């Protein structure tokens, strides 16, 4: 009788192991359907933060730095990884000493890049300002590489 129980126990154990070995494996193993999901391109609003950390969408006037104010900005490709524009940089250094408020200005081209995505929006993180005519006036601040503020995640 003891032998019969050990044979029966061995049979039940073998059956249980066979059942457990089959669990978790579908017929034919893992099945792949279609290509892996790709990264979804950004489709939300895009902003730039000015020198005072105010958010703008394609601004026509902007304080890029403490001394560089952009006027009459005309954007091309806003919202793409690289947005370009033309504008005028105005020199406000002579604010009190300019006769008849005759501020000096200079035409420039602008490029915003380094699009950084946040929860509900994206922000440009770099700006480059290049004079349209060379040489640039002495008062024109070096703005060939400006790091823009981006909100923390």
Protein backbone atom coordinates (compact mmCIF):
# COMPACT_ATOMS: atom_id res chain seq x y z
CA UNK A 1 0.00 0.00 0.00
CA UNK A 2 2.90 2.32 0.79
CA UNK A 3 4.30 1.63 -2.63
CA UNK A 4 0.99 2.49 -4.24
CA UNK A 5 0.88 5.85 -2.41
CA UNK A 6 4.42 6.77 -3.48
CA UNK A 7 3.65 5.91 -7.13
CA UNK A 8 0.40 7.91 -6.93
CA UNK A 9 2.24 10.86 -5.27
CA UNK A 10 4.97 10.75 -7.92
CA UNK A 11 2.35 10.70 -10.69
CA UNK A 12 0.49 13.66 -9.22
CA UNK A 13 3.72 15.60 -8.76
CA UNK A 14 4.76 14.93 -12.37
CA UNK A 15 1.34 16.02 -13.60
CA UNK A 16 1.46 19.21 -11.52
CA UNK A 17 4.94 20.09 -12.81
CA UNK A 18 3.85 19.51 -16.41
CA UNK A 19 0.86 21.83 -15.92
CA UNK A 20 2.97 24.56 -14.30
CA UNK A 21 5.59 24.35 -17.02
CA UNK A 22 2.93 25.08 -19.60
CA UNK A 23 1.59 28.16 -17.77
CA UNK A 24 2.70 31.50 -19.11
CA UNK A 25 3.64 30.22 -22.54
CA UNK A 26 1.14 30.88 -25.28
CA UNK A 27 0.89 28.63 -28.29
CA UNK A 28 4.06 29.23 -30.27
CA UNK A 29 5.57 31.62 -27.67
CA UNK A 30 5.58 35.43 -27.92
CA UNK A 31 3.74 36.93 -30.89
CA UNK A 32 4.71 40.36 -32.25
CA UNK A 33 2.19 42.41 -34.20
CA UNK A 34 3.42 45.39 -36.24
CA UNK A 35 6.34 47.75 -35.65
CA UNK A 36 7.31 49.06 -32.24
CA UNK A 37 5.66 52.37 -31.33
CA UNK A 38 7.74 55.33 -32.43
CA UNK A 39 8.22 58.61 -30.60
CA UNK A 40 5.22 60.86 -31.11
CA UNK A 41 6.24 64.31 -32.41
CA UNK A 42 5.45 67.33 -30.23
CA UNK A 43 2.11 68.92 -31.04
CA UNK A 44 1.45 71.29 -28.11
CA UNK A 45 2.08 75.03 -27.79
CA UNK A 46 5.63 76.37 -28.05
CA UNK A 47 6.87 79.33 -26.00
CA UNK A 48 10.00 81.34 -25.39
CA UNK A 49 10.79 82.95 -22.06
CA UNK A 50 12.22 86.45 -22.32
CA UNK A 51 14.88 87.97 -20.07
CA UNK A 52 12.23 88.67 -17.42
CA UNK A 53 10.95 85.05 -17.64
CA UNK A 54 7.68 86.06 -19.30
CA UNK A 55 6.34 83.40 -21.68
CA UNK A 56 5.64 84.41 -25.27
CA UNK A 57 4.35 82.67 -28.38
CA UNK A 58 6.03 84.14 -31.49
CA UNK A 59 6.56 87.59 -29.92
CA UNK A 60 6.89 90.68 -32.10
CA UNK A 61 8.74 92.54 -29.29
CA UNK A 62 10.97 90.78 -26.78
CA UNK A 63 13.63 91.51 -24.16
CA UNK A 64 16.17 88.88 -25.20
CA UNK A 65 18.79 90.02 -22.65
CA UNK A 66 19.10 92.94 -20.25
CA UNK A 67 20.46 95.10 -23.08
CA UNK A 68 19.05 93.46 -26.20
CA UNK A 69 15.47 94.31 -27.11
CA UNK A 70 14.09 92.86 -30.33
CA UNK A 71 11.48 94.88 -32.25
CA UNK A 72 9.43 94.11 -35.32
CA UNK A 73 10.16 90.39 -35.13
CA UNK A 74 8.83 88.39 -38.09
CA UNK A 75 8.95 84.63 -37.43
CA UNK A 76 9.35 81.70 -39.82
CA UNK A 77 8.87 78.12 -38.61
CA UNK A 78 7.64 78.89 -35.10
CA UNK A 79 6.96 75.66 -33.21
CA UNK A 80 9.49 73.64 -35.19
CA UNK A 81 12.83 72.54 -33.67
CA UNK A 82 14.42 75.67 -35.22
CA UNK A 83 12.52 78.94 -35.60
CA UNK A 84 14.07 81.83 -37.51
CA UNK A 85 13.15 85.50 -37.71
CA UNK A 86 14.25 88.95 -38.77
CA UNK A 87 14.11 91.88 -36.36
CA UNK A 88 15.66 95.11 -35.23
CA UNK A 89 17.83 95.39 -32.12
CA UNK A 90 17.41 98.74 -30.37
CA UNK A 91 20.09 100.35 -28.20
CA UNK A 92 18.51 101.75 -25.04
CA UNK A 93 21.84 102.54 -23.39
CA UNK A 94 21.36 106.20 -24.21
CA UNK A 95 17.78 106.29 -22.86
CA UNK A 96 18.24 109.64 -21.07
CA UNK A 97 20.89 111.12 -23.36
CA UNK A 98 19.52 110.49 -26.84
CA UNK A 99 18.26 113.70 -28.45
CA UNK A 100 14.58 113.46 -29.40
CA UNK A 101 14.59 109.82 -28.24
CA UNK A 102 16.57 108.95 -31.36
CA UNK A 103 17.60 105.42 -30.34
CA UNK A 104 20.11 103.57 -32.46
CA UNK A 105 18.97 100.33 -34.05
CA UNK A 106 20.45 97.54 -36.13
CA UNK A 107 18.81 94.84 -38.32
CA UNK A 108 19.46 91.24 -37.26
CA UNK A 109 18.46 87.69 -38.02
CA UNK A 110 17.45 85.43 -35.13
CA UNK A 111 17.39 81.67 -34.65
CA UNK A 112 15.73 79.91 -31.73
CA UNK A 113 16.59 76.25 -31.17
CA UNK A 114 16.92 73.60 -28.48
CA UNK A 115 13.22 72.85 -28.11
CA UNK A 116 12.63 71.44 -24.60
CA UNK A 117 9.33 69.70 -23.90
CA UNK A 118 7.60 70.12 -20.59
CA UNK A 119 4.29 68.70 -19.37
CA UNK A 120 1.89 70.78 -21.45
CA UNK A 121 4.17 72.98 -23.55
CA UNK A 122 7.61 73.22 -25.14
CA UNK A 123 10.17 76.03 -24.80
CA UNK A 124 13.12 77.19 -26.89
CA UNK A 125 16.33 77.00 -24.85
CA UNK A 126 18.85 78.75 -27.13
CA UNK A 127 18.91 81.91 -29.23
CA UNK A 128 21.37 83.24 -31.73
CA UNK A 129 21.32 86.82 -33.04
CA UNK A 130 23.41 87.68 -36.10
CA UNK A 131 23.81 91.19 -37.59
CA UNK A 132 22.43 91.47 -41.12
CA UNK A 133 25.19 93.91 -42.12
CA UNK A 134 28.80 93.65 -41.00
CA UNK A 135 30.46 95.04 -39.06
CA UNK A 136 28.04 95.26 -36.17
CA UNK A 137 28.07 98.54 -34.25
CA UNK A 138 30.21 98.66 -31.12
CA UNK A 139 27.17 98.94 -28.85
CA UNK A 140 25.66 95.70 -30.16
CA UNK A 141 25.96 93.08 -27.44
CA UNK A 142 27.43 89.70 -28.37
CA UNK A 143 24.30 87.62 -28.71
CA UNK A 144 25.59 84.87 -30.95
CA UNK A 145 24.87 82.30 -28.19
CA UNK A 146 22.18 83.14 -25.65
CA UNK A 147 20.84 80.54 -23.21
CA UNK A 148 17.15 81.09 -22.65
CA UNK A 149 15.27 80.27 -19.46
CA UNK A 150 13.26 77.05 -19.51
CA UNK A 151 10.82 76.07 -16.73
CA UNK A 152 11.97 73.18 -14.57
CA UNK A 153 10.15 69.89 -15.08
